[in-house]
Each structure stands twice: as C-alpha cells, then as structure tokens.
Amino acid sequence: RGLKFMLVLLQSISDGERDEEHPNLIRVNAMKAYEIALKKYHGWMLQKLFTGSVYALPYKSDLLKALEKGKEVKEEESIEKIHQFLSRVTPILDAIYEMYTKMNAELSYKA
C-alpha cells in the first residue's frame, strides 16, 4: 500500500497536477495518492490525521532535489526521470496487486 501511495504521488507530480495558487506545494498530489491508495484502509481518526499531516510535506522543489540526491537539476529533467521510473515500476506493482487479488490476500480491515 505504501508503494502504491508513492507511485500515485509521483505519477500525479509527473502529470503536472498541482494547486494553481500554490504550485510548489504537493498537498494536491498527496491527497490524491491517499484517496486512491490508503484512505479505504483507515478509520475516521487516521483520515483526519493524514489530512492535517499534508501541511508538513516538503515543497515540490525540495522533494525533486532530494530525489536527485541534492543536485540542482531542472524540474523537467527530474519529471522525466520520475516518468521513466514509473514506467518500469508500475507494471511490477500491478502484478503484485493482481496476485493479491487472485489469492484473496488483500486485507480490507481498517486501522
């Protein structure tokens, strides 16, 4: 689930989704990833905690710099590297989720 959250977050950033009023924040991307990957597994309290925690996320520019191991790289180059990463990793995660479904191993309880 954590991997799926990260992939959806990175895909959302790669797709250019953002808050037009605050383009350097990744709250929109994180909330989308949470809705898709984790929310259904969380009870009301954890959902509210996550919603509050998005205000502690790094700026997009800081995240991209961290992904580049501290090097200053153009945003477009970082986004292209994210896109390449996603194209390789997404099929693997899809296969894992397919296996979970076939084996009826997907846990559906809420934390």
N, C-alpha and C. Protein backbone atom coordinates (compact mmCIF):
# COMPACT_ATOMS: atom_id res chain seq x y z
N ARG A 1 0.82 -1.20 0.00
CA ARG A 1 0.00 0.00 0.00
C ARG A 1 0.86 1.25 0.00
N GLY A 2 1.94 1.21 0.76
CA GLY A 2 2.85 2.34 0.80
C GLY A 2 3.49 2.59 -0.55
N LEU A 3 3.85 1.51 -1.23
CA LEU A 3 4.42 1.65 -2.58
C LEU A 3 3.40 2.26 -3.54
N LYS A 4 2.17 1.79 -3.43
CA LYS A 4 1.13 2.33 -4.30
C LYS A 4 0.93 3.81 -4.02
N PHE A 5 0.95 4.19 -2.75
CA PHE A 5 0.83 5.60 -2.39
C PHE A 5 1.94 6.41 -3.05
N MET A 6 3.18 5.93 -2.95
CA MET A 6 4.31 6.65 -3.52
C MET A 6 4.21 6.74 -5.04
N LEU A 7 3.79 5.65 -5.68
CA LEU A 7 3.67 5.67 -7.14
C LEU A 7 2.58 6.64 -7.60
N VAL A 8 1.45 6.65 -6.92
CA VAL A 8 0.37 7.58 -7.30
C VAL A 8 0.82 9.02 -7.05
N LEU A 9 1.51 9.26 -5.95
CA LEU A 9 2.04 10.59 -5.65
C LEU A 9 2.98 11.05 -6.77
N LEU A 10 3.94 10.21 -7.11
CA LEU A 10 4.90 10.56 -8.15
C LEU A 10 4.22 10.70 -9.52
N GLN A 11 3.25 9.85 -9.80
CA GLN A 11 2.52 9.95 -11.07
C GLN A 11 1.77 11.27 -11.14
N SER A 12 1.16 11.66 -10.05
CA SER A 12 0.42 12.91 -10.01
C SER A 12 1.35 14.10 -10.24
N ILE A 13 2.52 14.07 -9.63
CA ILE A 13 3.51 15.13 -9.84
C ILE A 13 3.97 15.11 -11.29
N SER A 14 4.25 13.93 -11.80
CA SER A 14 4.70 13.76 -13.19
C SER A 14 3.66 14.25 -14.19
N ASP A 15 2.39 14.07 -13.87
CA ASP A 15 1.30 14.50 -14.75
C ASP A 15 1.06 16.01 -14.68
N GLY A 16 1.74 16.68 -13.77
CA GLY A 16 1.61 18.13 -13.66
C GLY A 16 0.43 18.60 -12.84
N GLU A 17 -0.19 17.70 -12.09
CA GLU A 17 -1.32 18.11 -11.25
C GLU A 17 -0.77 18.96 -10.10
N ARG A 18 -1.44 20.09 -9.83
CA ARG A 18 -0.97 20.97 -8.77
C ARG A 18 -2.04 21.96 -8.37
N ASP A 19 -1.80 22.58 -7.24
CA ASP A 19 -2.64 23.67 -6.75
C ASP A 19 -2.17 24.92 -7.47
N GLU A 20 -3.02 25.50 -8.29
CA GLU A 20 -2.62 26.66 -9.09
C GLU A 20 -2.22 27.86 -8.23
N GLU A 21 -2.82 27.98 -7.04
CA GLU A 21 -2.47 29.09 -6.16
C GLU A 21 -1.14 28.88 -5.45
N HIS A 22 -0.76 27.61 -5.27
CA HIS A 22 0.49 27.26 -4.58
C HIS A 22 1.17 26.14 -5.37
N PRO A 23 1.76 26.44 -6.52
CA PRO A 23 2.29 25.40 -7.40
C PRO A 23 3.48 24.62 -6.84
N ASN A 24 4.14 25.12 -5.81
CA ASN A 24 5.30 24.41 -5.26
C ASN A 24 4.92 23.49 -4.10
N LEU A 25 3.63 23.41 -3.78
CA LEU A 25 3.17 22.50 -2.73
C LEU A 25 2.70 21.20 -3.36
N ILE A 26 2.83 20.10 -2.62
CA ILE A 26 2.41 18.79 -3.14
C ILE A 26 1.20 18.23 -2.39
N ARG A 27 0.47 19.10 -1.74
CA ARG A 27 -0.71 18.66 -0.99
C ARG A 27 -1.73 17.98 -1.91
N VAL A 28 -1.99 18.58 -3.06
CA VAL A 28 -2.97 18.03 -4.01
C VAL A 28 -2.54 16.63 -4.43
N ASN A 29 -1.25 16.46 -4.71
CA ASN A 29 -0.73 15.17 -5.14
C ASN A 29 -0.83 14.14 -4.02
N ALA A 30 -0.50 14.55 -2.81
CA ALA A 30 -0.54 13.64 -1.66
C ALA A 30 -1.97 13.23 -1.34
N MET A 31 -2.90 14.17 -1.41
CA MET A 31 -4.30 13.83 -1.12
C MET A 31 -4.86 12.88 -2.18
N LYS A 32 -4.48 13.07 -3.43
CA LYS A 32 -4.92 12.15 -4.48
C LYS A 32 -4.38 10.75 -4.21
N ALA A 33 -3.09 10.68 -3.88
CA ALA A 33 -2.47 9.38 -3.59
C ALA A 33 -3.13 8.73 -2.39
N TYR A 34 -3.44 9.52 -1.38
CA TYR A 34 -4.09 8.99 -0.18
C TYR A 34 -5.47 8.44 -0.51
N GLU A 35 -6.24 9.20 -1.28
CA GLU A 35 -7.59 8.77 -1.65
C GLU A 35 -7.55 7.43 -2.39
N ILE A 36 -6.59 7.27 -3.29
CA ILE A 36 -6.52 6.07 -4.12
C ILE A 36 -5.91 4.89 -3.37
N ALA A 37 -4.84 5.12 -2.61
CA ALA A 37 -4.07 4.01 -2.07
C ALA A 37 -4.35 3.65 -0.62
N LEU A 38 -4.71 4.60 0.21
CA LEU A 38 -4.75 4.31 1.65
C LEU A 38 -6.06 4.59 2.37
N LYS A 39 -6.80 5.56 1.91
CA LYS A 39 -7.96 6.03 2.68
C LYS A 39 -8.94 4.92 3.05
N LYS A 40 -9.20 4.01 2.14
CA LYS A 40 -10.21 2.97 2.42
C LYS A 40 -9.79 2.03 3.55
N TYR A 41 -8.50 2.05 3.89
CA TYR A 41 -8.00 1.19 4.96
C TYR A 41 -7.94 1.91 6.31
N HIS A 42 -8.26 3.20 6.34
CA HIS A 42 -8.15 3.98 7.55
C HIS A 42 -9.51 4.37 8.09
N GLY A 43 -9.61 4.37 9.39
CA GLY A 43 -10.80 4.85 10.05
C GLY A 43 -10.83 6.37 10.06
N TRP A 44 -11.87 6.91 10.64
CA TRP A 44 -12.09 8.35 10.65
C TRP A 44 -10.91 9.12 11.25
N MET A 45 -10.37 8.64 12.38
CA MET A 45 -9.29 9.36 13.07
C MET A 45 -8.04 9.43 12.20
N LEU A 46 -7.62 8.31 11.61
CA LEU A 46 -6.43 8.33 10.77
C LEU A 46 -6.64 9.18 9.52
N GLN A 47 -7.84 9.17 9.00
CA GLN A 47 -8.13 10.02 7.84
C GLN A 47 -7.93 11.49 8.19
N LYS A 48 -8.41 11.90 9.34
CA LYS A 48 -8.25 13.29 9.78
C LYS A 48 -6.79 13.61 10.07
N LEU A 49 -6.07 12.67 10.66
CA LEU A 49 -4.64 12.89 10.93
C LEU A 49 -3.87 13.07 9.63
N PHE A 50 -4.18 12.26 8.64
CA PHE A 50 -3.48 12.40 7.36
C PHE A 50 -3.79 13.76 6.74
N THR A 51 -5.04 14.15 6.75
CA THR A 51 -5.43 15.43 6.17
C THR A 51 -4.65 16.58 6.82
N GLY A 52 -4.44 16.50 8.11
CA GLY A 52 -3.65 17.52 8.80
C GLY A 52 -2.17 17.41 8.50
N SER A 53 -1.70 16.19 8.29
CA SER A 53 -0.26 15.99 8.09
C SER A 53 0.24 16.50 6.75
N VAL A 54 -0.63 16.70 5.77
CA VAL A 54 -0.17 17.17 4.47
C VAL A 54 0.43 18.57 4.55
N TYR A 55 0.15 19.29 5.63
CA TYR A 55 0.73 20.63 5.79
C TYR A 55 2.19 20.56 6.20
N ALA A 56 2.69 19.37 6.54
CA ALA A 56 4.09 19.20 6.91
C ALA A 56 4.93 18.64 5.76
N LEU A 57 4.32 18.45 4.60
CA LEU A 57 5.05 17.90 3.45
C LEU A 57 6.06 18.90 2.92
N PRO A 58 7.12 18.40 2.30
CA PRO A 58 8.12 19.32 1.73
C PRO A 58 7.56 20.01 0.49
N TYR A 59 8.23 21.07 0.10
CA TYR A 59 7.89 21.71 -1.17
C TYR A 59 8.26 20.76 -2.31
N LYS A 60 7.57 20.91 -3.44
CA LYS A 60 7.87 20.07 -4.59
C LYS A 60 9.33 20.23 -5.01
N SER A 61 9.83 21.45 -5.00
CA SER A 61 11.22 21.68 -5.40
C SER A 61 12.19 20.95 -4.47
N ASP A 62 11.88 20.91 -3.17
CA ASP A 62 12.74 20.19 -2.21
C ASP A 62 12.66 18.68 -2.43
N LEU A 63 11.47 18.18 -2.72
CA LEU A 63 11.31 16.75 -2.98
C LEU A 63 12.10 16.35 -4.22
N LEU A 64 11.97 17.13 -5.28
CA LEU A 64 12.69 16.81 -6.52
C LEU A 64 14.20 16.88 -6.30
N LYS A 65 14.65 17.85 -5.52
CA LYS A 65 16.08 17.96 -5.22
C LYS A 65 16.55 16.74 -4.42
N ALA A 66 15.74 16.29 -3.48
CA ALA A 66 16.09 15.09 -2.70
C ALA A 66 16.15 13.86 -3.60
N LEU A 67 15.22 13.75 -4.53
CA LEU A 67 15.23 12.63 -5.46
C LEU A 67 16.47 12.66 -6.36
N GLU A 68 17.03 13.83 -6.56
CA GLU A 68 18.25 13.99 -7.36
C GLU A 68 19.50 13.95 -6.48
N LYS A 69 19.34 13.51 -5.24
CA LYS A 69 20.44 13.39 -4.29
C LYS A 69 21.14 14.72 -4.05
N GLY A 70 20.36 15.80 -3.98
CA GLY A 70 20.89 17.11 -3.65
C GLY A 70 21.41 17.92 -4.82
N LYS A 71 21.47 17.34 -6.00
CA LYS A 71 21.96 18.07 -7.17
C LYS A 71 20.89 19.03 -7.68
N GLU A 72 21.33 20.16 -8.17
CA GLU A 72 20.41 21.11 -8.81
C GLU A 72 20.17 20.64 -10.24
N VAL A 73 18.96 20.21 -10.53
CA VAL A 73 18.59 19.72 -11.85
C VAL A 73 17.29 20.42 -12.24
N LYS A 74 17.13 20.71 -13.51
CA LYS A 74 15.89 21.33 -13.98
C LYS A 74 14.71 20.44 -13.65
N GLU A 75 13.61 21.08 -13.30
CA GLU A 75 12.40 20.33 -12.94
C GLU A 75 11.98 19.38 -14.05
N GLU A 76 12.10 19.80 -15.29
CA GLU A 76 11.69 18.97 -16.41
C GLU A 76 12.51 17.67 -16.46
N GLU A 77 13.81 17.78 -16.15
CA GLU A 77 14.67 16.59 -16.15
C GLU A 77 14.27 15.63 -15.04
N SER A 78 13.97 16.18 -13.87
CA SER A 78 13.54 15.34 -12.75
C SER A 78 12.22 14.65 -13.06
N ILE A 79 11.30 15.39 -13.65
CA ILE A 79 9.99 14.83 -14.00
C ILE A 79 10.17 13.71 -15.03
N GLU A 80 11.07 13.89 -15.98
CA GLU A 80 11.32 12.84 -16.97
C GLU A 80 11.89 11.58 -16.30
N LYS A 81 12.77 11.74 -15.34
CA LYS A 81 13.31 10.60 -14.61
C LYS A 81 12.22 9.89 -13.80
N ILE A 82 11.33 10.67 -13.21
CA ILE A 82 10.20 10.08 -12.48
C ILE A 82 9.33 9.28 -13.45
N HIS A 83 9.07 9.85 -14.61
CA HIS A 83 8.26 9.17 -15.62
C HIS A 83 8.90 7.83 -16.03
N GLN A 84 10.21 7.83 -16.24
CA GLN A 84 10.92 6.60 -16.60
C GLN A 84 10.83 5.57 -15.47
N PHE A 85 11.01 6.03 -14.24
CA PHE A 85 10.90 5.15 -13.08
C PHE A 85 9.51 4.52 -13.01
N LEU A 86 8.48 5.35 -13.16
CA LEU A 86 7.11 4.86 -13.08
C LEU A 86 6.80 3.84 -14.17
N SER A 87 7.34 4.07 -15.37
CA SER A 87 7.07 3.14 -16.46
C SER A 87 7.65 1.76 -16.19
N ARG A 88 8.69 1.69 -15.37
CA ARG A 88 9.30 0.40 -15.04
C ARG A 88 8.69 -0.25 -13.79
N VAL A 89 8.31 0.56 -12.83
CA VAL A 89 7.86 0.02 -11.54
C VAL A 89 6.36 -0.27 -11.50
N THR A 90 5.57 0.52 -12.19
CA THR A 90 4.12 0.35 -12.15
C THR A 90 3.68 -1.05 -12.58
N PRO A 91 4.21 -1.63 -13.65
CA PRO A 91 3.80 -3.00 -14.01
C PRO A 91 4.12 -4.03 -12.92
N ILE A 92 5.20 -3.81 -12.19
CA ILE A 92 5.56 -4.73 -11.11
C ILE A 92 4.54 -4.64 -9.98
N LEU A 93 4.20 -3.41 -9.59
CA LEU A 93 3.20 -3.24 -8.54
C LEU A 93 1.84 -3.77 -8.98
N ASP A 94 1.49 -3.55 -10.24
CA ASP A 94 0.22 -4.08 -10.75
C ASP A 94 0.19 -5.61 -10.65
N ALA A 95 1.32 -6.25 -10.96
CA ALA A 95 1.40 -7.71 -10.86
C ALA A 95 1.24 -8.18 -9.42
N ILE A 96 1.81 -7.44 -8.49
CA ILE A 96 1.68 -7.79 -7.07
C ILE A 96 0.22 -7.69 -6.64
N TYR A 97 -0.45 -6.60 -7.00
CA TYR A 97 -1.86 -6.44 -6.63
C TYR A 97 -2.73 -7.50 -7.30
N GLU A 98 -2.40 -7.86 -8.53
CA GLU A 98 -3.13 -8.92 -9.21
C GLU A 98 -2.97 -10.24 -8.47
N MET A 99 -1.75 -10.52 -8.01
CA MET A 99 -1.50 -11.73 -7.25
C MET A 99 -2.30 -11.73 -5.95
N TYR A 100 -2.31 -10.59 -5.25
CA TYR A 100 -3.10 -10.49 -4.02
C TYR A 100 -4.57 -10.78 -4.29
N THR A 101 -5.08 -10.25 -5.38
CA THR A 101 -6.48 -10.45 -5.72
C THR A 101 -6.77 -11.91 -6.03
N LYS A 102 -5.92 -12.54 -6.83
CA LYS A 102 -6.11 -13.95 -7.18
C LYS A 102 -6.04 -14.85 -5.95
N MET A 103 -5.19 -14.51 -5.01
CA MET A 103 -5.02 -15.32 -3.80
C MET A 103 -5.97 -14.92 -2.68
N ASN A 104 -6.83 -13.91 -2.97
CA ASN A 104 -7.75 -13.36 -1.97
C ASN A 104 -6.98 -12.97 -0.70
N ALA A 105 -5.83 -12.33 -0.91
CA ALA A 105 -4.96 -11.98 0.21
C ALA A 105 -5.00 -10.49 0.57
N GLU A 106 -5.80 -9.72 -0.11
CA GLU A 106 -5.89 -8.31 0.18
C GLU A 106 -6.67 -8.10 1.48
N LEU A 107 -5.99 -7.57 2.48
CA LEU A 107 -6.64 -7.31 3.76
C LEU A 107 -7.50 -6.07 3.63
N SER A 108 -8.70 -6.12 4.18
CA SER A 108 -9.61 -4.99 4.00
C SER A 108 -10.03 -4.34 5.31
N TYR A 109 -9.38 -4.71 6.41
CA TYR A 109 -9.77 -4.11 7.68
C TYR A 109 -9.24 -2.69 7.77
N LYS A 110 -9.84 -1.90 8.66
CA LYS A 110 -9.42 -0.52 8.85
C LYS A 110 -8.59 -0.41 10.12
N ALA A 111 -7.57 0.42 10.04
CA ALA A 111 -6.70 0.66 11.20
C ALA A 111 -7.32 1.68 12.11
